[in-house]
């Protein structure tokens, strides 16, 4: 088969509406915003380093936390 285009999907709306009677809600002009504009970053995700030196010392004392050398 062929990959549908935005225009071919919009053009097929009338046929599907006649069959199912639900209307067509497809907008061929829709373009989603960037992921970063829709999802909040993790804590510390906008600044580097993500942890302060004190936080790193506290977390490094917990067994099993961190990246093994």
C-alpha atoms as a PDB file:
ATOM      1  CA  UNK A   1       0.000   0.000   0.000  1.00  0.00           C
ATOM      2  CA  UNK A   2       0.871   3.643  -0.111  1.00  0.00           C
ATOM      3  CA  UNK A   3       1.434   5.870   2.879  1.00  0.00           C
ATOM      4  CA  UNK A   4      -1.497   8.300   3.207  1.00  0.00           C
ATOM      5  CA  UNK A   5      -0.873  12.026   3.009  1.00  0.00           C
ATOM      6  CA  UNK A   6      -2.587  14.664   5.113  1.00  0.00           C
ATOM      7  CA  UNK A   7      -4.613  15.715   2.083  1.00  0.00           C
ATOM      8  CA  UNK A   8      -5.712  12.151   1.197  1.00  0.00           C
ATOM      9  CA  UNK A   9      -6.900  11.602   4.780  1.00  0.00           C
ATOM     10  CA  UNK A  10      -8.896  14.823   4.695  1.00  0.00           C
ATOM     11  CA  UNK A  11     -10.377  13.886   1.313  1.00  0.00           C
ATOM     12  CA  UNK A  12     -11.554  10.507   2.651  1.00  0.00           C
ATOM     13  CA  UNK A  13     -13.510  12.117   5.512  1.00  0.00           C
ATOM     14  CA  UNK A  14     -16.723  12.493   3.496  1.00  0.00           C
ATOM     15  CA  UNK A  15     -16.852   8.782   2.642  1.00  0.00           C
ATOM     16  CA  UNK A  16     -16.271   7.742   6.246  1.00  0.00           C
ATOM     17  CA  UNK A  17     -18.892  10.211   7.456  1.00  0.00           C
ATOM     18  CA  UNK A  18     -21.458   8.676   5.074  1.00  0.00           C
ATOM     19  CA  UNK A  19     -20.572   5.205   6.367  1.00  0.00           C
ATOM     20  CA  UNK A  20     -20.328   5.878  10.104  1.00  0.00           C
ATOM     21  CA  UNK A  21     -22.184   9.190  10.528  1.00  0.00           C
ATOM     22  CA  UNK A  22     -19.772  10.517  13.135  1.00  0.00           C
ATOM     23  CA  UNK A  23     -18.402  13.537  11.297  1.00  0.00           C
ATOM     24  CA  UNK A  24     -14.786  14.197  10.527  1.00  0.00           C
ATOM     25  CA  UNK A  25     -12.461  15.794  13.029  1.00  0.00           C
ATOM     26  CA  UNK A  26      -9.226  15.531  11.059  1.00  0.00           C
ATOM     27  CA  UNK A  27      -7.450  18.850  10.482  1.00  0.00           C
ATOM     28  CA  UNK A  28      -4.845  18.577   7.697  1.00  0.00           C
ATOM     29  CA  UNK A  29      -3.292  21.887   8.783  1.00  0.00           C
ATOM     30  CA  UNK A  30      -2.595  20.746  12.347  1.00  0.00           C
ATOM     31  CA  UNK A  31       1.049  20.726  13.358  1.00  0.00           C
ATOM     32  CA  UNK A  32       1.862  19.818  16.983  1.00  0.00           C
ATOM     33  CA  UNK A  33       4.027  22.076  19.108  1.00  0.00           C
ATOM     34  CA  UNK A  34       7.469  20.956  20.145  1.00  0.00           C
ATOM     35  CA  UNK A  35       7.648  18.354  22.896  1.00  0.00           C
ATOM     36  CA  UNK A  36       9.435  20.777  25.227  1.00  0.00           C
ATOM     37  CA  UNK A  37       6.575  23.280  24.964  1.00  0.00           C
ATOM     38  CA  UNK A  38       3.984  20.657  26.015  1.00  0.00           C
ATOM     39  CA  UNK A  39       5.813  18.721  28.760  1.00  0.00           C
ATOM     40  CA  UNK A  40       7.407  20.181  31.860  1.00  0.00           C
ATOM     41  CA  UNK A  41      11.053  19.244  32.412  1.00  0.00           C
ATOM     42  CA  UNK A  42      12.178  17.052  35.263  1.00  0.00           C
ATOM     43  CA  UNK A  43      13.387  18.863  38.387  1.00  0.00           C
ATOM     44  CA  UNK A  44      16.832  20.226  37.645  1.00  0.00           C
ATOM     45  CA  UNK A  45      16.331  19.634  33.943  1.00  0.00           C
ATOM     46  CA  UNK A  46      16.821  23.253  32.944  1.00  0.00           C
ATOM     47  CA  UNK A  47      20.026  23.867  34.846  1.00  0.00           C
ATOM     48  CA  UNK A  48      23.345  22.123  35.036  1.00  0.00           C
ATOM     49  CA  UNK A  49      24.545  20.489  37.162  1.00  0.00           C
ATOM     50  CA  UNK A  50      21.238  18.938  38.146  1.00  0.00           C
ATOM     51  CA  UNK A  51      22.470  18.450  41.733  1.00  0.00           C
ATOM     52  CA  UNK A  52      24.445  20.679  43.991  1.00  0.00           C
ATOM     53  CA  UNK A  53      27.682  19.350  45.440  1.00  0.00           C
ATOM     54  CA  UNK A  54      25.928  18.853  48.795  1.00  0.00           C
ATOM     55  CA  UNK A  55      23.111  16.866  47.217  1.00  0.00           C
ATOM     56  CA  UNK A  56      25.620  14.684  45.383  1.00  0.00           C
ATOM     57  CA  UNK A  57      27.487  13.930  48.635  1.00  0.00           C
ATOM     58  CA  UNK A  58      24.237  13.026  50.407  1.00  0.00           C
ATOM     59  CA  UNK A  59      23.017  10.752  47.600  1.00  0.00           C
ATOM     60  CA  UNK A  60      26.402   9.102  47.086  1.00  0.00           C
ATOM     61  CA  UNK A  61      26.244   7.715  50.645  1.00  0.00           C
ATOM     62  CA  UNK A  62      23.131   5.659  49.823  1.00  0.00           C
ATOM     63  CA  UNK A  63      24.085   2.165  48.714  1.00  0.00           C
ATOM     64  CA  UNK A  64      22.854   1.261  45.241  1.00  0.00           C
ATOM     65  CA  UNK A  65      22.258   4.855  44.120  1.00  0.00           C
ATOM     66  CA  UNK A  66      24.304   6.365  41.321  1.00  0.00           C
ATOM     67  CA  UNK A  67      26.429   5.109  38.481  1.00  0.00           C
ATOM     68  CA  UNK A  68      28.904   2.342  39.230  1.00  0.00           C
ATOM     69  CA  UNK A  69      32.498   3.184  38.287  1.00  0.00           C
END
